Amino acid sequence: MTDLMISRSPEILGGAPVFAGTRVPVRILMEHLEAGDCLDEFLEDYPTVSRSQAIAVLEQAKAMLAGGENEAFA
């Protein structure tokens, strides 16, 4: 499911992983959470990212960290 939530293209931000259909880098979500912001604050700042996209990315990261996923983000 996450592969539909994240895209990469050399034409968009040099190929950095972004939320599909946006120019918002996935790393921005992680930076917001690291700074202590809640998910709602991130979504307010980046309204082009849907809640389902953000949650899917977080679930994928959780699975990767738990050893349930061997692949990096697509």
PDB file of N, CA and C in Angstrom:
ATOM      1  N   MET A   1       0.827  -1.198   0.000  1.00  0.00           N
ATOM      2  CA  MET A   1       0.000   0.000   0.000  1.00  0.00           C
ATOM      3  C   MET A   1       0.869   1.258   0.000  1.00  0.00           C
ATOM      4  N   THR A   2       1.992   1.198   0.730  1.00  0.00           N
ATOM      5  CA  THR A   2       2.823   2.389   0.817  1.00  0.00           C
ATOM      6  C   THR A   2       3.385   2.790  -0.518  1.00  0.00           C
ATOM      7  N   ASP A   3       3.629   1.828  -1.414  1.00  0.00           N
ATOM      8  CA  ASP A   3       4.176   2.194  -2.713  1.00  0.00           C
ATOM      9  C   ASP A   3       3.225   3.109  -3.474  1.00  0.00           C
ATOM     10  N   LEU A   4       1.956   3.128  -3.119  1.00  0.00           N
ATOM     11  CA  LEU A   4       1.005   4.048  -3.729  1.00  0.00           C
ATOM     12  C   LEU A   4       0.988   5.390  -2.998  1.00  0.00           C
ATOM     13  N   MET A   5       1.594   5.428  -1.837  1.00  0.00           N
ATOM     14  CA  MET A   5       1.600   6.637  -1.021  1.00  0.00           C
ATOM     15  C   MET A   5       2.860   7.470  -1.229  1.00  0.00           C
ATOM     16  N   ILE A   6       3.919   6.851  -1.718  1.00  0.00           N
ATOM     17  CA  ILE A   6       5.202   7.524  -1.898  1.00  0.00           C
ATOM     18  C   ILE A   6       5.626   7.395  -3.349  1.00  0.00           C
ATOM     19  N   SER A   7       6.184   8.466  -3.879  1.00  0.00           N
ATOM     20  CA  SER A   7       6.711   8.398  -5.241  1.00  0.00           C
ATOM     21  C   SER A   7       8.084   9.050  -5.284  1.00  0.00           C
ATOM     22  N   ARG A   8       8.822   8.694  -6.312  1.00  0.00           N
ATOM     23  CA  ARG A   8      10.140   9.276  -6.572  1.00  0.00           C
ATOM     24  C   ARG A   8      10.226   9.580  -8.055  1.00  0.00           C
ATOM     25  N   SER A   9      10.774  10.725  -8.356  1.00  0.00           N
ATOM     26  CA  SER A   9      10.989  11.110  -9.736  1.00  0.00           C
ATOM     27  C   SER A   9      12.161  12.072  -9.772  1.00  0.00           C
ATOM     28  N   PRO A  10      13.080  11.877 -10.709  1.00  0.00           N
ATOM     29  CA  PRO A  10      14.204  12.809 -10.804  1.00  0.00           C
ATOM     30  C   PRO A  10      13.754  14.253 -11.041  1.00  0.00           C
ATOM     31  N   GLU A  11      12.560  14.438 -11.594  1.00  0.00           N
ATOM     32  CA  GLU A  11      12.050  15.776 -11.882  1.00  0.00           C
ATOM     33  C   GLU A  11      11.448  16.460 -10.656  1.00  0.00           C
ATOM     34  N   ILE A  12      11.194  15.701  -9.599  1.00  0.00           N
ATOM     35  CA  ILE A  12      10.585  16.270  -8.392  1.00  0.00           C
ATOM     36  C   ILE A  12      11.581  16.151  -7.248  1.00  0.00           C
ATOM     37  N   LEU A  13      12.074  17.280  -6.802  1.00  0.00           N
ATOM     38  CA  LEU A  13      13.002  17.360  -5.669  1.00  0.00           C
ATOM     39  C   LEU A  13      14.189  16.411  -5.813  1.00  0.00           C
ATOM     40  N   GLY A  14      14.667  16.274  -7.033  1.00  0.00           N
ATOM     41  CA  GLY A  14      15.861  15.467  -7.279  1.00  0.00           C
ATOM     42  C   GLY A  14      15.702  13.992  -6.983  1.00  0.00           C
ATOM     43  N   GLY A  15      14.482  13.510  -6.978  1.00  0.00           N
ATOM     44  CA  GLY A  15      14.246  12.089  -6.734  1.00  0.00           C
ATOM     45  C   GLY A  15      14.025  11.725  -5.283  1.00  0.00           C
ATOM     46  N   ALA A  16      13.952  12.716  -4.405  1.00  0.00           N
ATOM     47  CA  ALA A  16      13.674  12.433  -2.994  1.00  0.00           C
ATOM     48  C   ALA A  16      12.285  11.815  -2.867  1.00  0.00           C
ATOM     49  N   PRO A  17      12.098  10.876  -1.942  1.00  0.00           N
ATOM     50  CA  PRO A  17      10.761  10.304  -1.737  1.00  0.00           C
ATOM     51  C   PRO A  17       9.782  11.391  -1.285  1.00  0.00           C
ATOM     52  N   VAL A  18       8.677  11.493  -1.986  1.00  0.00           N
ATOM     53  CA  VAL A  18       7.631  12.460  -1.650  1.00  0.00           C
ATOM     54  C   VAL A  18       6.303  11.728  -1.523  1.00  0.00           C
ATOM     55  N   PHE A  19       5.382  12.355  -0.815  1.00  0.00           N
ATOM     56  CA  PHE A  19       4.031  11.797  -0.771  1.00  0.00           C
ATOM     57  C   PHE A  19       3.450  11.874  -2.178  1.00  0.00           C
ATOM     58  N   ALA A  20       2.914  10.773  -2.666  1.00  0.00           N
ATOM     59  CA  ALA A  20       2.392  10.692  -4.029  1.00  0.00           C
ATOM     60  C   ALA A  20       1.405  11.819  -4.297  1.00  0.00           C
ATOM     61  N   GLY A  21       1.554  12.442  -5.463  1.00  0.00           N
ATOM     62  CA  GLY A  21       0.665  13.510  -5.869  1.00  0.00           C
ATOM     63  C   GLY A  21       1.007  14.862  -5.264  1.00  0.00           C
ATOM     64  N   THR A  22       2.124  14.927  -4.525  1.00  0.00           N
ATOM     65  CA  THR A  22       2.538  16.176  -3.895  1.00  0.00           C
ATOM     66  C   THR A  22       4.021  16.412  -4.164  1.00  0.00           C
ATOM     67  N   ARG A  23       4.517  17.531  -3.659  1.00  0.00           N
ATOM     68  CA  ARG A  23       5.951  17.807  -3.671  1.00  0.00           C
ATOM     69  C   ARG A  23       6.472  17.851  -2.232  1.00  0.00           C
ATOM     70  N   VAL A  24       5.751  17.191  -1.327  1.00  0.00           N
ATOM     71  CA  VAL A  24       6.114  17.183   0.089  1.00  0.00           C
ATOM     72  C   VAL A  24       7.009  15.974   0.370  1.00  0.00           C
ATOM     73  N   PRO A  25       8.264  16.223   0.735  1.00  0.00           N
ATOM     74  CA  PRO A  25       9.163  15.110   1.039  1.00  0.00           C
ATOM     75  C   PRO A  25       8.700  14.339   2.278  1.00  0.00           C
ATOM     76  N   VAL A  26       8.845  13.043   2.242  1.00  0.00           N
ATOM     77  CA  VAL A  26       8.471  12.195   3.370  1.00  0.00           C
ATOM     78  C   VAL A  26       9.282  12.585   4.609  1.00  0.00           C
ATOM     79  N   ARG A  27      10.524  12.989   4.416  1.00  0.00           N
ATOM     80  CA  ARG A  27      11.375  13.339   5.553  1.00  0.00           C
ATOM     81  C   ARG A  27      10.788  14.481   6.374  1.00  0.00           C
ATOM     82  N   ILE A  28       9.962  15.333   5.762  1.00  0.00           N
ATOM     83  CA  ILE A  28       9.350  16.452   6.489  1.00  0.00           C
ATOM     84  C   ILE A  28       8.421  15.933   7.585  1.00  0.00           C
ATOM     85  N   LEU A  29       7.699  14.858   7.299  1.00  0.00           N
ATOM     86  CA  LEU A  29       6.839  14.263   8.326  1.00  0.00           C
ATOM     87  C   LEU A  29       7.689  13.812   9.509  1.00  0.00           C
ATOM     88  N   MET A  30       8.784  13.128   9.224  1.00  0.00           N
ATOM     89  CA  MET A  30       9.658  12.642  10.297  1.00  0.00           C
ATOM     90  C   MET A  30      10.255  13.813  11.081  1.00  0.00           C
ATOM     91  N   GLU A  31      10.627  14.867  10.391  1.00  0.00           N
ATOM     92  CA  GLU A  31      11.185  16.039  11.073  1.00  0.00           C
ATOM     93  C   GLU A  31      10.156  16.706  11.982  1.00  0.00           C
ATOM     94  N   HIS A  32       8.906  16.773  11.542  1.00  0.00           N
ATOM     95  CA  HIS A  32       7.850  17.347  12.381  1.00  0.00           C
ATOM     96  C   HIS A  32       7.666  16.513  13.646  1.00  0.00           C
ATOM     97  N   LEU A  33       7.608  15.209  13.483  1.00  0.00           N
ATOM     98  CA  LEU A  33       7.410  14.339  14.641  1.00  0.00           C
ATOM     99  C   LEU A  33       8.610  14.402  15.581  1.00  0.00           C
ATOM    100  N   GLU A  34       9.798  14.447  15.021  1.00  0.00           N
ATOM    101  CA  GLU A  34      11.009  14.555  15.831  1.00  0.00           C
ATOM    102  C   GLU A  34      11.016  15.845  16.653  1.00  0.00           C
ATOM    103  N   ALA A  35      10.469  16.904  16.088  1.00  0.00           N
ATOM    104  CA  ALA A  35      10.410  18.197  16.771  1.00  0.00           C
ATOM    105  C   ALA A  35       9.301  18.251  17.825  1.00  0.00           C
ATOM    106  N   GLY A  36       8.509  17.189  17.920  1.00  0.00           N
ATOM    107  CA  GLY A  36       7.447  17.146  18.915  1.00  0.00           C
ATOM    108  C   GLY A  36       6.086  17.552  18.408  1.00  0.00           C
ATOM    109  N   ASP A  37       5.981  17.822  17.109  1.00  0.00           N
ATOM    110  CA  ASP A  37       4.682  18.162  16.526  1.00  0.00           C
ATOM    111  C   ASP A  37       3.822  16.901  16.431  1.00  0.00           C
ATOM    112  N   CYS A  38       2.529  17.073  16.537  1.00  0.00           N
ATOM    113  CA  CYS A  38       1.626  15.933  16.347  1.00  0.00           C
ATOM    114  C   CYS A  38       1.283  15.803  14.859  1.00  0.00           C
ATOM    115  N   LEU A  39       0.701  14.690  14.508  1.00  0.00           N
ATOM    116  CA  LEU A  39       0.345  14.434  13.116  1.00  0.00           C
ATOM    117  C   LEU A  39      -0.599  15.510  12.585  1.00  0.00           C
ATOM    118  N   ASP A  40      -1.536  15.946  13.408  1.00  0.00           N
ATOM    119  CA  ASP A  40      -2.481  16.975  12.960  1.00  0.00           C
ATOM    120  C   ASP A  40      -1.773  18.277  12.585  1.00  0.00           C
ATOM    121  N   GLU A  41      -0.726  18.634  13.326  1.00  0.00           N
ATOM    122  CA  GLU A  41       0.028  19.850  12.995  1.00  0.00           C
ATOM    123  C   GLU A  41       0.712  19.706  11.643  1.00  0.00           C
ATOM    124  N   PHE A  42       1.291  18.536  11.397  1.00  0.00           N
ATOM    125  CA  PHE A  42       1.910  18.286  10.091  1.00  0.00           C
ATOM    126  C   PHE A  42       0.877  18.412   8.986  1.00  0.00           C
ATOM    127  N   LEU A  43      -0.274  17.783   9.173  1.00  0.00           N
ATOM    128  CA  LEU A  43      -1.322  17.808   8.149  1.00  0.00           C
ATOM    129  C   LEU A  43      -1.859  19.218   7.914  1.00  0.00           C
ATOM    130  N   GLU A  44      -1.893  20.029   8.953  1.00  0.00           N
ATOM    131  CA  GLU A  44      -2.312  21.423   8.783  1.00  0.00           C
ATOM    132  C   GLU A  44      -1.292  22.197   7.956  1.00  0.00           C
ATOM    133  N   ASP A  45      -0.008  21.918   8.202  1.00  0.00           N
ATOM    134  CA  ASP A  45       1.054  22.610   7.466  1.00  0.00           C
ATOM    135  C   ASP A  45       1.156  22.147   6.015  1.00  0.00           C
ATOM    136  N   TYR A  46       0.765  20.893   5.756  1.00  0.00           N
ATOM    137  CA  TYR A  46       0.883  20.315   4.409  1.00  0.00           C
ATOM    138  C   TYR A  46      -0.456  19.686   4.008  1.00  0.00           C
ATOM    139  N   PRO A  47      -1.438  20.509   3.668  1.00  0.00           N
ATOM    140  CA  PRO A  47      -2.785  19.996   3.385  1.00  0.00           C
ATOM    141  C   PRO A  47      -2.881  19.118   2.143  1.00  0.00           C
ATOM    142  N   THR A  48      -1.843  19.089   1.307  1.00  0.00           N
ATOM    143  CA  THR A  48      -1.887  18.212   0.134  1.00  0.00           C
ATOM    144  C   THR A  48      -1.605  16.758   0.500  1.00  0.00           C
ATOM    145  N   VAL A  49      -1.125  16.518   1.721  1.00  0.00           N
ATOM    146  CA  VAL A  49      -0.884  15.154   2.200  1.00  0.00           C
ATOM    147  C   VAL A  49      -2.127  14.704   2.957  1.00  0.00           C
ATOM    148  N   SER A  50      -2.638  13.537   2.604  1.00  0.00           N
ATOM    149  CA  SER A  50      -3.818  13.030   3.302  1.00  0.00           C
ATOM    150  C   SER A  50      -3.407  12.289   4.577  1.00  0.00           C
ATOM    151  N   ARG A  51      -4.346  12.220   5.493  1.00  0.00           N
ATOM    152  CA  ARG A  51      -4.108  11.482   6.732  1.00  0.00           C
ATOM    153  C   ARG A  51      -3.758  10.025   6.416  1.00  0.00           C
ATOM    154  N   SER A  52      -4.451   9.428   5.459  1.00  0.00           N
ATOM    155  CA  SER A  52      -4.178   8.022   5.131  1.00  0.00           C
ATOM    156  C   SER A  52      -2.766   7.849   4.568  1.00  0.00           C
ATOM    157  N   GLN A  53      -2.282   8.811   3.799  1.00  0.00           N
ATOM    158  CA  GLN A  53      -0.906   8.741   3.297  1.00  0.00           C
ATOM    159  C   GLN A  53       0.082   8.784   4.449  1.00  0.00           C
ATOM    160  N   ALA A  54      -0.091   9.729   5.351  1.00  0.00           N
ATOM    161  CA  ALA A  54       0.836   9.881   6.468  1.00  0.00           C
ATOM    162  C   ALA A  54       0.831   8.641   7.356  1.00  0.00           C
ATOM    163  N   ILE A  55      -0.330   8.121   7.653  1.00  0.00           N
ATOM    164  CA  ILE A  55      -0.421   6.938   8.506  1.00  0.00           C
ATOM    165  C   ILE A  55       0.200   5.730   7.814  1.00  0.00           C
ATOM    166  N   ALA A  56      -0.030   5.567   6.519  1.00  0.00           N
ATOM    167  CA  ALA A  56       0.565   4.445   5.790  1.00  0.00           C
ATOM    168  C   ALA A  56       2.088   4.504   5.826  1.00  0.00           C
ATOM    169  N   VAL A  57       2.646   5.699   5.683  1.00  0.00           N
ATOM    170  CA  VAL A  57       4.100   5.857   5.728  1.00  0.00           C
ATOM    171  C   VAL A  57       4.621   5.525   7.124  1.00  0.00           C
ATOM    172  N   LEU A  58       3.935   5.989   8.150  1.00  0.00           N
ATOM    173  CA  LEU A  58       4.357   5.682   9.516  1.00  0.00           C
ATOM    174  C   LEU A  58       4.250   4.192   9.818  1.00  0.00           C
ATOM    175  N   GLU A  59       3.213   3.557   9.327  1.00  0.00           N
ATOM    176  CA  GLU A  59       3.063   2.114   9.526  1.00  0.00           C
ATOM    177  C   GLU A  59       4.182   1.350   8.822  1.00  0.00           C
ATOM    178  N   GLN A  60       4.557   1.781   7.632  1.00  0.00           N
ATOM    179  CA  GLN A  60       5.648   1.149   6.897  1.00  0.00           C
ATOM    180  C   GLN A  60       6.964   1.308   7.656  1.00  0.00           C
ATOM    181  N   ALA A  61       7.214   2.501   8.180  1.00  0.00           N
ATOM    182  CA  ALA A  61       8.432   2.746   8.952  1.00  0.00           C
ATOM    183  C   ALA A  61       8.446   1.866  10.199  1.00  0.00           C
ATOM    184  N   LYS A  62       7.322   1.743  10.849  1.00  0.00           N
ATOM    185  CA  LYS A  62       7.214   0.903  12.042  1.00  0.00           C
ATOM    186  C   LYS A  62       7.526  -0.554  11.699  1.00  0.00           C
ATOM    187  N   ALA A  63       6.973  -1.040  10.605  1.00  0.00           N
ATOM    188  CA  ALA A  63       7.219  -2.426  10.187  1.00  0.00           C
ATOM    189  C   ALA A  63       8.697  -2.636   9.868  1.00  0.00           C
ATOM    190  N   MET A  64       9.303  -1.658   9.213  1.00  0.00           N
ATOM    191  CA  MET A  64      10.722  -1.775   8.868  1.00  0.00           C
ATOM    192  C   MET A  64      11.570  -1.835  10.139  1.00  0.00           C
ATOM    193  N   LEU A  65      11.274  -0.995  11.096  1.00  0.00           N
ATOM    194  CA  LEU A  65      12.038  -0.950  12.338  1.00  0.00           C
ATOM    195  C   LEU A  65      11.836  -2.203  13.177  1.00  0.00           C
ATOM    196  N   ALA A  66      10.677  -2.813  13.052  1.00  0.00           N
ATOM    197  CA  ALA A  66      10.371  -4.030  13.807  1.00  0.00           C
ATOM    198  C   ALA A  66      10.911  -5.271  13.108  1.00  0.00           C
ATOM    199  N   GLY A  67      11.509  -5.078  11.922  1.00  0.00           N
ATOM    200  CA  GLY A  67      12.063  -6.205  11.196  1.00  0.00           C
ATOM    201  C   GLY A  67      11.056  -6.929  10.327  1.00  0.00           C
ATOM    202  N   GLY A  68       9.870  -6.380  10.189  1.00  0.00           N
ATOM    203  CA  GLY A  68       8.849  -7.009   9.378  1.00  0.00           C
ATOM    204  C   GLY A  68       8.918  -6.665   7.913  1.00  0.00           C
ATOM    205  N   GLU A  69       9.816  -5.808   7.558  1.00  0.00           N
ATOM    206  CA  GLU A  69       9.928  -5.365   6.167  1.00  0.00           C
ATOM    207  C   GLU A  69      11.407  -5.201   5.859  1.00  0.00           C
ATOM    208  N   ASN A  70      11.867  -5.805   4.775  1.00  0.00           N
ATOM    209  CA  ASN A  70      13.269  -5.739   4.417  1.00  0.00           C
ATOM    210  C   ASN A  70      13.588  -4.713   3.351  1.00  0.00           C
ATOM    211  N   GLU A  71      12.573  -4.108   2.777  1.00  0.00           N
ATOM    212  CA  GLU A  71      12.798  -3.158   1.706  1.00  0.00           C
ATOM    213  C   GLU A  71      12.673  -1.739   2.225  1.00  0.00           C
ATOM    214  N   ALA A  72      13.459  -0.854   1.641  1.00  0.00           N
ATOM    215  CA  ALA A  72      13.324   0.570   1.923  1.00  0.00           C
ATOM    216  C   ALA A  72      12.118   1.096   1.178  1.00  0.00           C
ATOM    217  N   PHE A  73      11.741   2.347   1.457  1.00  0.00           N
ATOM    218  CA  PHE A  73      10.629   2.963   0.726  1.00  0.00           C
ATOM    219  C   PHE A  73      10.897   2.931  -0.759  1.00  0.00           C
ATOM    220  N   ALA A  74       9.846   2.678  -1.514  1.00  0.00           N
ATOM    221  CA  ALA A  74       9.979   2.607  -2.971  1.00  0.00           C
ATOM    222  C   ALA A  74      10.243   3.963  -3.571  1.00  0.00           C
TER     223      ALA A  74
END
